[in-house]
Amino acid sequence: MTEEGWKLFRQRLVVSENCLDEVLDRDPRNVRALAGLITLAKARSKGLPEIQRHFDAVIAVDPADERAHGRMLQAVCGKWYGSSELMFRFARERAAAHPATNLGGLIAEAHIEEWLSRKKEDEYLEQHEIRDELVAAAEDSIWHPAHRRTPYTPHVWNAFAMAFALGDHFAEAERCFALIGDDLVTRDPWYYHGKAERSFLKLRDYTRYHLAKA
């Protein structure tokens, strides 16, 4: 991006933040606006304390808001302001606090981020203890009898599917692929593995090939 492009980008971030502030002046409990401030604080490099402040404001209104949790997980991973330790602690604590919700997907997302930080080392996800944690997280969220689907649920299905497939946990991956079908593929996290739709199809075919051979 050119210097002029960066200048325009920064200006638009300020305009966006001002718009969200106006929304919150009228409705201080507007969760979508509060969650939007997490993204803007990260984009404007305001640091983790400011991002945490915005996250705390969200969960004071809705303790299980899904998008705010996803954005906060990104903020506490190593490529932004945190570390692997901080990322996994956040994911595990928030998932445990809200069973039968989509927040169990934070565990899958954290393991994908760790895989990415290890230069896409599939052997990491193949470990038995990783598979066991992913299964436990899925059973406590998307596979839980009391789980209720929301518009965010397909994102969680896709995160679990990718984590299981990359780890060669084929039966668990197929269970997620069956939920996704052909119409509920999300860009995130497949784009970490290449073009999103192509990566999804490649790993689904890989999973089904190995299941057919078993």
N, C-alpha and C. Protein backbone atom coordinates (compact mmCIF):
# COMPACT_ATOMS: atom_id res chain seq x y z
N MET A 1 0.84 -1.19 0.00
CA MET A 1 0.00 0.00 0.00
C MET A 1 0.88 1.24 0.00
N THR A 2 0.51 2.24 -0.76
CA THR A 2 1.28 3.48 -0.81
C THR A 2 1.06 4.29 0.46
N GLU A 3 1.92 5.30 0.67
CA GLU A 3 1.76 6.17 1.84
C GLU A 3 0.41 6.87 1.80
N GLU A 4 -0.01 7.27 0.61
CA GLU A 4 -1.33 7.90 0.49
C GLU A 4 -2.44 6.91 0.85
N GLY A 5 -2.24 5.65 0.45
CA GLY A 5 -3.23 4.63 0.79
C GLY A 5 -3.32 4.41 2.28
N TRP A 6 -2.16 4.37 2.96
CA TRP A 6 -2.16 4.21 4.42
C TRP A 6 -2.83 5.41 5.09
N LYS A 7 -2.58 6.58 4.58
CA LYS A 7 -3.19 7.79 5.16
C LYS A 7 -4.70 7.71 5.06
N LEU A 8 -5.20 7.30 3.89
CA LEU A 8 -6.65 7.16 3.71
C LEU A 8 -7.21 6.08 4.62
N PHE A 9 -6.48 4.97 4.75
CA PHE A 9 -6.90 3.88 5.62
C PHE A 9 -7.04 4.37 7.06
N ARG A 10 -6.05 5.10 7.54
CA ARG A 10 -6.09 5.60 8.92
C ARG A 10 -7.24 6.58 9.11
N GLN A 11 -7.48 7.41 8.10
CA GLN A 11 -8.59 8.35 8.19
C GLN A 11 -9.93 7.63 8.29
N ARG A 12 -10.07 6.57 7.54
CA ARG A 12 -11.33 5.82 7.56
C ARG A 12 -11.52 5.10 8.88
N LEU A 13 -10.42 4.67 9.49
CA LEU A 13 -10.54 4.05 10.81
C LEU A 13 -11.07 5.06 11.83
N VAL A 14 -10.58 6.29 11.76
CA VAL A 14 -11.04 7.32 12.67
C VAL A 14 -12.52 7.61 12.45
N VAL A 15 -12.91 7.72 11.18
CA VAL A 15 -14.32 7.96 10.85
C VAL A 15 -15.19 6.82 11.38
N SER A 16 -14.73 5.60 11.20
CA SER A 16 -15.48 4.43 11.68
C SER A 16 -15.64 4.47 13.19
N GLU A 17 -14.57 4.81 13.89
CA GLU A 17 -14.64 4.87 15.35
C GLU A 17 -15.60 5.97 15.80
N ASN A 18 -15.56 7.10 15.12
CA ASN A 18 -16.47 8.18 15.47
C ASN A 18 -17.92 7.76 15.26
N CYS A 19 -18.18 7.00 14.20
CA CYS A 19 -19.54 6.51 13.94
C CYS A 19 -20.01 5.57 15.04
N LEU A 20 -19.12 4.67 15.46
CA LEU A 20 -19.48 3.75 16.54
C LEU A 20 -19.70 4.50 17.85
N ASP A 21 -18.90 5.51 18.10
CA ASP A 21 -19.09 6.31 19.31
C ASP A 21 -20.45 7.00 19.30
N GLU A 22 -20.88 7.46 18.13
CA GLU A 22 -22.20 8.10 18.02
C GLU A 22 -23.31 7.09 18.32
N VAL A 23 -23.14 5.87 17.81
CA VAL A 23 -24.13 4.82 18.10
C VAL A 23 -24.20 4.57 19.60
N LEU A 24 -23.05 4.50 20.23
CA LEU A 24 -23.00 4.20 21.66
C LEU A 24 -23.49 5.37 22.52
N ASP A 25 -23.38 6.56 22.01
CA ASP A 25 -23.96 7.71 22.72
C ASP A 25 -25.47 7.55 22.82
N ARG A 26 -26.06 6.99 21.76
CA ARG A 26 -27.52 6.79 21.75
C ARG A 26 -27.92 5.51 22.47
N ASP A 27 -27.06 4.49 22.36
CA ASP A 27 -27.37 3.19 22.95
C ASP A 27 -26.10 2.57 23.52
N PRO A 28 -25.77 2.87 24.77
CA PRO A 28 -24.51 2.39 25.36
C PRO A 28 -24.40 0.88 25.45
N ARG A 29 -25.50 0.16 25.28
CA ARG A 29 -25.49 -1.30 25.39
C ARG A 29 -25.56 -1.98 24.02
N ASN A 30 -25.25 -1.26 22.98
CA ASN A 30 -25.27 -1.83 21.64
C ASN A 30 -24.05 -2.74 21.46
N VAL A 31 -24.29 -4.04 21.52
CA VAL A 31 -23.19 -5.01 21.52
C VAL A 31 -22.40 -4.97 20.21
N ARG A 32 -23.07 -4.82 19.09
CA ARG A 32 -22.36 -4.81 17.81
C ARG A 32 -21.40 -3.63 17.73
N ALA A 33 -21.82 -2.47 18.22
CA ALA A 33 -20.94 -1.31 18.21
C ALA A 33 -19.78 -1.49 19.19
N LEU A 34 -20.08 -2.03 20.37
CA LEU A 34 -19.02 -2.28 21.35
C LEU A 34 -17.99 -3.27 20.81
N ALA A 35 -18.46 -4.33 20.14
CA ALA A 35 -17.54 -5.31 19.56
C ALA A 35 -16.74 -4.70 18.42
N GLY A 36 -17.37 -3.79 17.67
CA GLY A 36 -16.65 -3.12 16.59
C GLY A 36 -15.46 -2.33 17.08
N LEU A 37 -15.56 -1.79 18.29
CA LEU A 37 -14.45 -1.03 18.85
C LEU A 37 -13.24 -1.91 19.15
N ILE A 38 -13.47 -3.20 19.38
CA ILE A 38 -12.34 -4.12 19.57
C ILE A 38 -11.53 -4.19 18.29
N THR A 39 -12.21 -4.38 17.17
CA THR A 39 -11.54 -4.45 15.87
C THR A 39 -10.79 -3.17 15.57
N LEU A 40 -11.43 -2.03 15.82
CA LEU A 40 -10.80 -0.75 15.51
C LEU A 40 -9.60 -0.47 16.41
N ALA A 41 -9.71 -0.85 17.68
CA ALA A 41 -8.57 -0.66 18.58
C ALA A 41 -7.37 -1.48 18.12
N LYS A 42 -7.63 -2.68 17.63
CA LYS A 42 -6.54 -3.53 17.10
C LYS A 42 -5.97 -2.92 15.82
N ALA A 43 -6.85 -2.48 14.93
CA ALA A 43 -6.40 -1.91 13.66
C ALA A 43 -5.62 -0.62 13.87
N ARG A 44 -5.95 0.12 14.90
CA ARG A 44 -5.27 1.39 15.16
C ARG A 44 -4.10 1.23 16.14
N SER A 45 -3.76 -0.03 16.43
CA SER A 45 -2.59 -0.35 17.26
C SER A 45 -2.65 0.34 18.62
N LYS A 46 -3.81 0.28 19.25
CA LYS A 46 -3.98 0.93 20.55
C LYS A 46 -3.48 0.08 21.72
N GLY A 47 -3.14 -1.16 21.45
CA GLY A 47 -2.57 -2.00 22.49
C GLY A 47 -3.60 -2.85 23.22
N LEU A 48 -3.09 -3.87 23.91
CA LEU A 48 -3.96 -4.84 24.54
C LEU A 48 -4.82 -4.26 25.67
N PRO A 49 -4.31 -3.37 26.52
CA PRO A 49 -5.18 -2.83 27.58
C PRO A 49 -6.43 -2.14 27.02
N GLU A 50 -6.29 -1.39 25.94
CA GLU A 50 -7.45 -0.73 25.35
C GLU A 50 -8.40 -1.75 24.72
N ILE A 51 -7.84 -2.77 24.08
CA ILE A 51 -8.68 -3.82 23.50
C ILE A 51 -9.42 -4.56 24.60
N GLN A 52 -8.73 -4.86 25.68
CA GLN A 52 -9.35 -5.54 26.82
C GLN A 52 -10.49 -4.70 27.40
N ARG A 53 -10.30 -3.40 27.45
CA ARG A 53 -11.34 -2.52 27.97
C ARG A 53 -12.61 -2.63 27.13
N HIS A 54 -12.44 -2.66 25.82
CA HIS A 54 -13.61 -2.77 24.94
C HIS A 54 -14.25 -4.15 25.07
N PHE A 55 -13.43 -5.19 25.20
CA PHE A 55 -13.97 -6.54 25.37
C PHE A 55 -14.77 -6.62 26.67
N ASP A 56 -14.24 -6.06 27.75
CA ASP A 56 -14.94 -6.07 29.03
C ASP A 56 -16.28 -5.36 28.92
N ALA A 57 -16.33 -4.30 28.12
CA ALA A 57 -17.59 -3.57 27.93
C ALA A 57 -18.62 -4.45 27.23
N VAL A 58 -18.15 -5.27 26.28
CA VAL A 58 -19.06 -6.18 25.57
C VAL A 58 -19.63 -7.21 26.51
N ILE A 59 -18.75 -7.90 27.23
CA ILE A 59 -19.23 -9.02 28.05
C ILE A 59 -20.01 -8.55 29.28
N ALA A 60 -19.89 -7.27 29.62
CA ALA A 60 -20.75 -6.73 30.68
C ALA A 60 -22.21 -6.70 30.22
N VAL A 61 -22.40 -6.61 28.90
CA VAL A 61 -23.75 -6.61 28.33
C VAL A 61 -24.16 -8.02 27.92
N ASP A 62 -23.27 -8.72 27.22
CA ASP A 62 -23.55 -10.07 26.75
C ASP A 62 -22.31 -10.93 27.01
N PRO A 63 -22.30 -11.69 28.11
CA PRO A 63 -21.10 -12.44 28.50
C PRO A 63 -20.64 -13.48 27.50
N ALA A 64 -21.52 -13.90 26.57
CA ALA A 64 -21.14 -14.95 25.62
C ALA A 64 -21.16 -14.45 24.18
N ASP A 65 -21.02 -13.14 23.99
CA ASP A 65 -21.04 -12.63 22.61
C ASP A 65 -19.93 -13.28 21.79
N GLU A 66 -20.33 -13.90 20.69
CA GLU A 66 -19.41 -14.76 19.93
C GLU A 66 -18.36 -13.97 19.16
N ARG A 67 -18.78 -12.95 18.45
CA ARG A 67 -17.83 -12.21 17.61
C ARG A 67 -16.80 -11.46 18.46
N ALA A 68 -17.24 -10.92 19.58
CA ALA A 68 -16.29 -10.24 20.46
C ALA A 68 -15.24 -11.21 20.98
N HIS A 69 -15.65 -12.42 21.31
CA HIS A 69 -14.69 -13.43 21.78
C HIS A 69 -13.71 -13.80 20.67
N GLY A 70 -14.21 -13.96 19.45
CA GLY A 70 -13.32 -14.28 18.34
C GLY A 70 -12.30 -13.18 18.09
N ARG A 71 -12.75 -11.93 18.19
CA ARG A 71 -11.83 -10.81 17.98
C ARG A 71 -10.82 -10.70 19.11
N MET A 72 -11.27 -10.99 20.33
CA MET A 72 -10.35 -10.93 21.45
C MET A 72 -9.32 -12.04 21.37
N LEU A 73 -9.73 -13.22 20.90
CA LEU A 73 -8.76 -14.31 20.74
C LEU A 73 -7.65 -13.89 19.79
N GLN A 74 -8.00 -13.22 18.70
CA GLN A 74 -6.97 -12.74 17.78
C GLN A 74 -6.03 -11.76 18.46
N ALA A 75 -6.59 -10.90 19.30
CA ALA A 75 -5.77 -9.88 19.95
C ALA A 75 -4.76 -10.49 20.92
N VAL A 76 -5.12 -11.62 21.56
CA VAL A 76 -4.22 -12.20 22.56
C VAL A 76 -3.32 -13.30 21.99
N CYS A 77 -3.40 -13.56 20.68
CA CYS A 77 -2.48 -14.55 20.10
C CYS A 77 -1.13 -13.89 19.82
N GLY A 78 -0.15 -14.72 19.57
CA GLY A 78 1.22 -14.24 19.46
C GLY A 78 1.48 -13.27 18.33
N LYS A 79 0.71 -13.35 17.25
CA LYS A 79 0.98 -12.48 16.10
C LYS A 79 0.46 -11.06 16.32
N TRP A 80 -0.30 -10.86 17.40
CA TRP A 80 -0.77 -9.51 17.72
C TRP A 80 -0.14 -9.06 19.04
N TYR A 81 -0.88 -9.12 20.14
CA TYR A 81 -0.38 -8.53 21.38
C TYR A 81 -0.13 -9.55 22.49
N GLY A 82 -0.33 -10.83 22.21
CA GLY A 82 -0.26 -11.81 23.28
C GLY A 82 0.80 -12.86 23.07
N SER A 83 0.43 -14.10 23.40
CA SER A 83 1.35 -15.23 23.32
C SER A 83 0.50 -16.49 23.26
N SER A 84 1.15 -17.61 22.99
CA SER A 84 0.42 -18.88 22.98
C SER A 84 -0.21 -19.14 24.34
N GLU A 85 0.53 -18.87 25.40
CA GLU A 85 0.01 -19.11 26.75
C GLU A 85 -1.22 -18.27 27.02
N LEU A 86 -1.16 -17.00 26.69
CA LEU A 86 -2.30 -16.10 26.93
C LEU A 86 -3.49 -16.51 26.06
N MET A 87 -3.22 -16.87 24.83
CA MET A 87 -4.29 -17.27 23.91
C MET A 87 -5.02 -18.51 24.41
N PHE A 88 -4.28 -19.54 24.80
CA PHE A 88 -4.93 -20.77 25.27
C PHE A 88 -5.64 -20.56 26.60
N ARG A 89 -5.07 -19.74 27.47
CA ARG A 89 -5.75 -19.48 28.74
C ARG A 89 -7.09 -18.78 28.48
N PHE A 90 -7.08 -17.80 27.60
CA PHE A 90 -8.33 -17.10 27.26
C PHE A 90 -9.34 -18.07 26.67
N ALA A 91 -8.91 -18.85 25.68
CA ALA A 91 -9.84 -19.76 25.01
C ALA A 91 -10.43 -20.77 25.99
N ARG A 92 -9.60 -21.36 26.81
CA ARG A 92 -10.07 -22.40 27.73
C ARG A 92 -10.98 -21.83 28.82
N GLU A 93 -10.61 -20.69 29.36
CA GLU A 93 -11.43 -20.09 30.41
C GLU A 93 -12.79 -19.65 29.89
N ARG A 94 -12.81 -19.03 28.73
CA ARG A 94 -14.09 -18.53 28.21
C ARG A 94 -14.97 -19.68 27.74
N ALA A 95 -14.38 -20.71 27.14
CA ALA A 95 -15.17 -21.87 26.72
C ALA A 95 -15.76 -22.58 27.94
N ALA A 96 -14.95 -22.76 28.99
CA ALA A 96 -15.43 -23.44 30.19
C ALA A 96 -16.53 -22.66 30.88
N ALA A 97 -16.48 -21.34 30.77
CA ALA A 97 -17.48 -20.50 31.44
C ALA A 97 -18.83 -20.53 30.74
N HIS A 98 -18.85 -20.98 29.47
CA HIS A 98 -20.10 -20.94 28.70
C HIS A 98 -20.30 -22.25 27.93
N PRO A 99 -20.58 -23.34 28.65
CA PRO A 99 -20.81 -24.63 27.98
C PRO A 99 -22.06 -24.58 27.11
N ALA A 100 -22.08 -25.47 26.13
CA ALA A 100 -23.21 -25.62 25.20
C ALA A 100 -23.42 -24.40 24.32
N THR A 101 -22.41 -23.54 24.22
CA THR A 101 -22.46 -22.39 23.31
C THR A 101 -21.39 -22.57 22.24
N ASN A 102 -21.32 -21.61 21.35
CA ASN A 102 -20.29 -21.66 20.30
C ASN A 102 -18.89 -21.34 20.82
N LEU A 103 -18.78 -20.92 22.07
CA LEU A 103 -17.46 -20.50 22.56
C LEU A 103 -16.48 -21.65 22.68
N GLY A 104 -16.96 -22.90 22.65
CA GLY A 104 -16.03 -24.02 22.57
C GLY A 104 -15.16 -23.95 21.32
N GLY A 105 -15.65 -23.26 20.29
CA GLY A 105 -14.88 -23.10 19.07
C GLY A 105 -13.61 -22.31 19.26
N LEU A 106 -13.51 -21.55 20.35
CA LEU A 106 -12.27 -20.83 20.64
C LEU A 106 -11.10 -21.80 20.78
N ILE A 107 -11.38 -23.00 21.29
CA ILE A 107 -10.33 -24.01 21.45
C ILE A 107 -9.79 -24.42 20.07
N ALA A 108 -10.70 -24.67 19.13
CA ALA A 108 -10.27 -25.03 17.78
C ALA A 108 -9.50 -23.89 17.13
N GLU A 109 -10.00 -22.68 17.28
CA GLU A 109 -9.33 -21.52 16.68
C GLU A 109 -7.94 -21.33 17.28
N ALA A 110 -7.81 -21.54 18.58
CA ALA A 110 -6.51 -21.38 19.22
C ALA A 110 -5.51 -22.41 18.70
N HIS A 111 -5.96 -23.64 18.51
CA HIS A 111 -5.05 -24.67 18.00
C HIS A 111 -4.67 -24.39 16.54
N ILE A 112 -5.58 -23.83 15.77
CA ILE A 112 -5.24 -23.45 14.40
C ILE A 112 -4.22 -22.32 14.40
N GLU A 113 -4.39 -21.35 15.29
CA GLU A 113 -3.41 -20.26 15.39
C GLU A 113 -2.04 -20.80 15.81
N GLU A 114 -2.03 -21.78 16.71
CA GLU A 114 -0.76 -22.37 17.12
C GLU A 114 -0.12 -23.12 15.96
N TRP A 115 -0.93 -23.87 15.21
CA TRP A 115 -0.44 -24.56 14.01
C TRP A 115 0.17 -23.56 13.04
N LEU A 116 -0.48 -22.41 12.87
CA LEU A 116 0.01 -21.38 11.96
C LEU A 116 1.34 -20.82 12.46
N SER A 117 1.44 -20.60 13.76
CA SER A 117 2.66 -20.03 14.32
C SER A 117 3.84 -21.00 14.22
N ARG A 118 3.53 -22.30 14.10
CA ARG A 118 4.56 -23.33 13.95
C ARG A 118 4.85 -23.64 12.49
N LYS A 119 4.57 -22.67 11.63
CA LYS A 119 4.81 -22.80 10.19
C LYS A 119 3.99 -23.93 9.58
N LYS A 120 2.72 -24.01 10.02
CA LYS A 120 1.75 -24.97 9.49
C LYS A 120 2.24 -26.42 9.64
N GLU A 121 2.70 -26.73 10.82
CA GLU A 121 3.21 -28.06 11.13
C GLU A 121 2.04 -28.98 11.49
N ASP A 122 1.62 -29.81 10.53
CA ASP A 122 0.47 -30.67 10.76
C ASP A 122 0.69 -31.64 11.92
N GLU A 123 1.94 -32.02 12.17
CA GLU A 123 2.21 -32.96 13.25
C GLU A 123 1.74 -32.43 14.60
N TYR A 124 1.72 -31.11 14.73
CA TYR A 124 1.22 -30.52 15.98
C TYR A 124 -0.22 -30.94 16.22
N LEU A 125 -1.07 -30.83 15.20
CA LEU A 125 -2.49 -31.16 15.34
C LEU A 125 -2.74 -32.66 15.37
N GLU A 126 -1.76 -33.46 14.98
CA GLU A 126 -1.91 -34.91 15.01
C GLU A 126 -1.73 -35.50 16.40
N GLN A 127 -1.25 -34.72 17.34
CA GLN A 127 -0.98 -35.23 18.68
C GLN A 127 -2.28 -35.69 19.36
N HIS A 128 -2.18 -36.78 20.10
CA HIS A 128 -3.37 -37.35 20.75
C HIS A 128 -3.99 -36.38 21.75
N GLU A 129 -3.14 -35.66 22.49
CA GLU A 129 -3.69 -34.75 23.48
C GLU A 129 -4.42 -33.57 22.84
N ILE A 130 -3.97 -33.17 21.63
CA ILE A 130 -4.66 -32.09 20.92
C ILE A 130 -6.01 -32.61 20.44
N ARG A 131 -6.01 -33.82 19.88
CA ARG A 131 -7.26 -34.41 19.43
C ARG A 131 -8.25 -34.54 20.59
N ASP A 132 -7.76 -34.98 21.76
CA ASP A 132 -8.64 -35.15 22.91
C ASP A 132 -9.24 -33.82 23.36
N GLU A 133 -8.43 -32.76 23.34
CA GLU A 133 -8.97 -31.46 23.75
C GLU A 133 -9.99 -30.94 22.73
N LEU A 134 -9.71 -31.14 21.46
CA LEU A 134 -10.65 -30.71 20.43
C LEU A 134 -11.97 -31.46 20.55
N VAL A 135 -11.91 -32.76 20.77
CA VAL A 135 -13.13 -33.56 20.94
C VAL A 135 -13.91 -33.08 22.15
N ALA A 136 -13.23 -32.88 23.26
CA ALA A 136 -13.90 -32.42 24.47
C ALA A 136 -14.56 -31.06 24.25
N ALA A 137 -13.88 -30.18 23.52
CA ALA A 137 -14.44 -28.85 23.24
C ALA A 137 -15.67 -28.95 22.34
N ALA A 138 -15.59 -29.82 21.33
CA ALA A 138 -16.74 -30.00 20.44
C ALA A 138 -17.92 -30.61 21.18
N GLU A 139 -17.64 -31.59 22.04
CA GLU A 139 -18.72 -32.22 22.80
C GLU A 139 -19.37 -31.25 23.78
N ASP A 140 -18.61 -30.25 24.19
CA ASP A 140 -19.15 -29.27 25.12
C ASP A 140 -19.73 -28.05 24.41
N SER A 141 -19.69 -28.08 23.08
CA SER A 141 -20.24 -26.94 22.34
C SER A 141 -21.11 -27.43 21.19
N ILE A 142 -20.55 -27.58 19.99
CA ILE A 142 -21.38 -27.87 18.82
C ILE A 142 -22.03 -29.25 18.85
N TRP A 143 -21.47 -30.20 19.61
CA TRP A 143 -22.06 -31.54 19.71
C TRP A 143 -22.87 -31.72 20.99
N HIS A 144 -22.96 -30.68 21.79
CA HIS A 144 -23.70 -30.77 23.05
C HIS A 144 -25.20 -30.83 22.77
N PRO A 145 -25.96 -31.69 23.46
CA PRO A 145 -27.40 -31.80 23.20
C PRO A 145 -28.16 -30.48 23.38
N ALA A 146 -27.65 -29.61 24.26
CA ALA A 146 -28.34 -28.35 24.52
C ALA A 146 -27.83 -27.20 23.66
N HIS A 147 -26.89 -27.49 22.77
CA HIS A 147 -26.34 -26.42 21.93
C HIS A 147 -27.42 -25.85 21.01
N ARG A 148 -27.44 -24.54 20.93
CA ARG A 148 -28.39 -23.87 20.03
C ARG A 148 -27.61 -23.15 18.94
N ARG A 149 -27.99 -23.40 17.71
CA ARG A 149 -27.30 -22.77 16.58
C ARG A 149 -27.61 -21.28 16.51
N THR A 150 -26.61 -20.53 16.09
CA THR A 150 -26.76 -19.10 15.84
C THR A 150 -26.16 -18.81 14.47
N PRO A 151 -26.29 -17.59 13.97
CA PRO A 151 -25.64 -17.27 12.68
C PRO A 151 -24.12 -17.48 12.70
N TYR A 152 -23.52 -17.51 13.90
CA TYR A 152 -22.07 -17.69 14.01
C TYR A 152 -21.66 -19.15 14.00
N THR A 153 -22.61 -20.05 14.20
CA THR A 153 -22.29 -21.47 14.33
C THR A 153 -21.53 -22.05 13.13
N PRO A 154 -21.90 -21.73 11.88
CA PRO A 154 -21.11 -22.29 10.76
C PRO A 154 -19.62 -21.97 10.84
N HIS A 155 -19.29 -20.79 11.34
CA HIS A 155 -17.87 -20.45 11.51
C HIS A 155 -17.20 -21.45 12.45
N VAL A 156 -17.89 -21.83 13.51
CA VAL A 156 -17.34 -22.76 14.49
C VAL A 156 -17.22 -24.16 13.89
N TRP A 157 -18.24 -24.59 13.15
CA TRP A 157 -18.15 -25.88 12.47
C TRP A 157 -16.92 -25.93 11.57
N ASN A 158 -16.68 -24.86 10.83
CA ASN A 158 -15.54 -24.82 9.91
C ASN A 158 -14.21 -24.86 10.66
N ALA A 159 -14.13 -24.18 11.80
CA ALA A 159 -12.90 -24.19 12.58
C ALA A 159 -12.59 -25.59 13.09
N PHE A 160 -13.60 -26.26 13.64
CA PHE A 160 -13.38 -27.63 14.10
C PHE A 160 -13.03 -28.56 12.94
N ALA A 161 -13.73 -28.42 11.82
CA ALA A 161 -13.47 -29.28 10.67
C ALA A 161 -12.02 -29.17 10.21
N MET A 162 -11.53 -27.95 10.13
CA MET A 162 -10.16 -27.75 9.67
C MET A 162 -9.16 -28.32 10.67
N ALA A 163 -9.37 -28.06 11.95
CA ALA A 163 -8.44 -28.57 12.96
C ALA A 163 -8.41 -30.10 12.98
N PHE A 164 -9.57 -30.72 12.91
CA PHE A 164 -9.61 -32.19 12.89
C PHE A 164 -8.99 -32.75 11.61
N ALA A 165 -9.31 -32.15 10.47
CA ALA A 165 -8.82 -32.68 9.20
C ALA A 165 -7.30 -32.57 9.10
N LEU A 166 -6.75 -31.43 9.50
CA LEU A 166 -5.30 -31.27 9.45
C LEU A 166 -4.58 -32.22 10.40
N GLY A 167 -5.27 -32.61 11.46
CA GLY A 167 -4.67 -33.54 12.42
C GLY A 167 -4.93 -35.00 12.09
N ASP A 168 -5.55 -35.26 10.94
CA ASP A 168 -5.88 -36.64 10.52
C ASP A 168 -6.84 -37.32 11.48
N HIS A 169 -7.71 -36.56 12.08
CA HIS A 169 -8.76 -37.12 12.94
C HIS A 169 -10.02 -37.19 12.08
N PHE A 170 -10.06 -38.21 11.24
CA PHE A 170 -10.99 -38.22 10.12
C PHE A 170 -12.46 -38.37 10.52
N ALA A 171 -12.77 -39.22 11.46
CA ALA A 171 -14.17 -39.40 11.86
C ALA A 171 -14.74 -38.11 12.44
N GLU A 172 -13.94 -37.44 13.26
CA GLU A 172 -14.41 -36.19 13.86
C GLU A 172 -14.53 -35.09 12.80
N ALA A 173 -13.57 -35.06 11.87
CA ALA A 173 -13.63 -34.07 10.80
C ALA A 173 -14.88 -34.27 9.95
N GLU A 174 -15.17 -35.52 9.61
CA GLU A 174 -16.34 -35.79 8.76
C GLU A 174 -17.63 -35.38 9.47
N ARG A 175 -17.68 -35.57 10.76
CA ARG A 175 -18.87 -35.15 11.51
C ARG A 175 -19.11 -33.65 11.33
N CYS A 176 -18.04 -32.89 11.28
CA CYS A 176 -18.16 -31.44 11.08
C CYS A 176 -18.46 -31.11 9.61
N PHE A 177 -17.80 -31.81 8.69
CA PHE A 177 -18.07 -31.57 7.28
C PHE A 177 -19.54 -31.85 6.95
N ALA A 178 -20.13 -32.85 7.59
CA ALA A 178 -21.54 -33.16 7.34
C ALA A 178 -22.43 -32.01 7.79
N LEU A 179 -22.06 -31.34 8.87
CA LEU A 179 -22.83 -30.19 9.34
C LEU A 179 -22.70 -29.02 8.37
N ILE A 180 -21.52 -28.82 7.84
CA ILE A 180 -21.27 -27.70 6.93
C ILE A 180 -21.98 -27.89 5.60
N GLY A 181 -21.98 -29.13 5.09
CA GLY A 181 -22.57 -29.38 3.78
C GLY A 181 -21.83 -28.63 2.69
N ASP A 182 -22.57 -28.24 1.66
CA ASP A 182 -21.96 -27.51 0.55
C ASP A 182 -22.21 -26.01 0.62
N ASP A 183 -23.06 -25.57 1.54
CA ASP A 183 -23.53 -24.19 1.51
C ASP A 183 -23.06 -23.33 2.67
N LEU A 184 -22.40 -23.92 3.66
CA LEU A 184 -22.06 -23.16 4.86
C LEU A 184 -20.55 -23.10 5.09
N VAL A 185 -19.81 -23.03 3.99
CA VAL A 185 -18.35 -22.89 4.08
C VAL A 185 -18.02 -21.43 4.37
N THR A 186 -17.18 -21.20 5.36
CA THR A 186 -16.75 -19.85 5.69
C THR A 186 -15.31 -19.62 5.22
N ARG A 187 -14.97 -18.38 4.96
CA ARG A 187 -13.62 -18.07 4.50
C ARG A 187 -12.59 -18.36 5.59
N ASP A 188 -12.95 -18.00 6.81
CA ASP A 188 -12.07 -18.20 7.96
C ASP A 188 -12.44 -19.52 8.64
N PRO A 189 -11.52 -20.44 8.88
CA PRO A 189 -10.06 -20.29 8.81
C PRO A 189 -9.42 -20.91 7.58
N TRP A 190 -10.21 -21.34 6.60
CA TRP A 190 -9.64 -22.09 5.47
C TRP A 190 -8.58 -21.31 4.70
N TYR A 191 -8.70 -19.97 4.70
CA TYR A 191 -7.74 -19.20 3.92
C TYR A 191 -6.32 -19.31 4.47
N TYR A 192 -6.18 -19.78 5.71
CA TYR A 192 -4.84 -20.02 6.24
C TYR A 192 -4.13 -21.14 5.47
N HIS A 193 -4.91 -21.98 4.79
CA HIS A 193 -4.38 -23.14 4.10
C HIS A 193 -4.33 -22.93 2.59
N GLY A 194 -4.63 -21.73 2.13
CA GLY A 194 -4.69 -21.41 0.71
C GLY A 194 -5.99 -20.71 0.40
N LYS A 195 -6.43 -20.77 -0.85
CA LYS A 195 -7.73 -20.20 -1.18
C LYS A 195 -8.81 -20.97 -0.45
N ALA A 196 -9.72 -20.22 0.18
CA ALA A 196 -10.63 -20.83 1.16
C ALA A 196 -11.44 -21.99 0.60
N GLU A 197 -12.17 -21.76 -0.48
CA GLU A 197 -13.03 -22.82 -1.00
C GLU A 197 -12.21 -24.02 -1.48
N ARG A 198 -11.10 -23.75 -2.11
CA ARG A 198 -10.24 -24.84 -2.59
C ARG A 198 -9.68 -25.64 -1.41
N SER A 199 -9.28 -24.95 -0.35
CA SER A 199 -8.75 -25.63 0.82
C SER A 199 -9.81 -26.49 1.49
N PHE A 200 -11.02 -25.95 1.59
CA PHE A 200 -12.13 -26.71 2.16
C PHE A 200 -12.36 -28.00 1.39
N LEU A 201 -12.48 -27.90 0.08
CA LEU A 201 -12.75 -29.08 -0.74
C LEU A 201 -11.60 -30.08 -0.68
N LYS A 202 -10.38 -29.56 -0.69
CA LYS A 202 -9.21 -30.44 -0.65
C LYS A 202 -9.18 -31.25 0.65
N LEU A 203 -9.40 -30.59 1.78
CA LEU A 203 -9.35 -31.29 3.06
C LEU A 203 -10.58 -32.17 3.27
N ARG A 204 -11.72 -31.79 2.72
CA ARG A 204 -12.89 -32.66 2.82
C ARG A 204 -12.68 -33.93 1.99
N ASP A 205 -12.15 -33.76 0.78
CA ASP A 205 -11.88 -34.93 -0.05
C ASP A 205 -10.83 -35.83 0.60
N TYR A 206 -9.81 -35.22 1.18
CA TYR A 206 -8.75 -35.96 1.88
C TYR A 206 -9.34 -36.76 3.03
N THR A 207 -10.22 -36.14 3.79
CA THR A 207 -10.87 -36.82 4.92
C THR A 207 -11.70 -38.00 4.44
N ARG A 208 -12.50 -37.78 3.43
CA ARG A 208 -13.41 -38.82 2.96
C ARG A 208 -12.66 -39.95 2.26
N TYR A 209 -11.56 -39.63 1.62
CA TYR A 209 -10.73 -40.67 1.00
C TYR A 209 -10.19 -41.62 2.08
N HIS A 210 -9.69 -41.06 3.16
CA HIS A 210 -9.12 -41.91 4.21
C HIS A 210 -10.18 -42.67 4.97
N LEU A 211 -11.35 -42.09 5.13
CA LEU A 211 -12.44 -42.83 5.77
C LEU A 211 -12.90 -44.00 4.92
N ALA A 212 -12.92 -43.79 3.60
CA ALA A 212 -13.34 -44.87 2.70
C ALA A 212 -12.34 -46.02 2.71
N LYS A 213 -11.06 -45.70 2.94
CA LYS A 213 -10.03 -46.73 2.98
C LYS A 213 -10.02 -47.51 4.28
N ALA A 214 -10.55 -46.89 5.35
CA ALA A 214 -10.48 -47.51 6.68
C ALA A 214 -11.28 -48.80 6.76
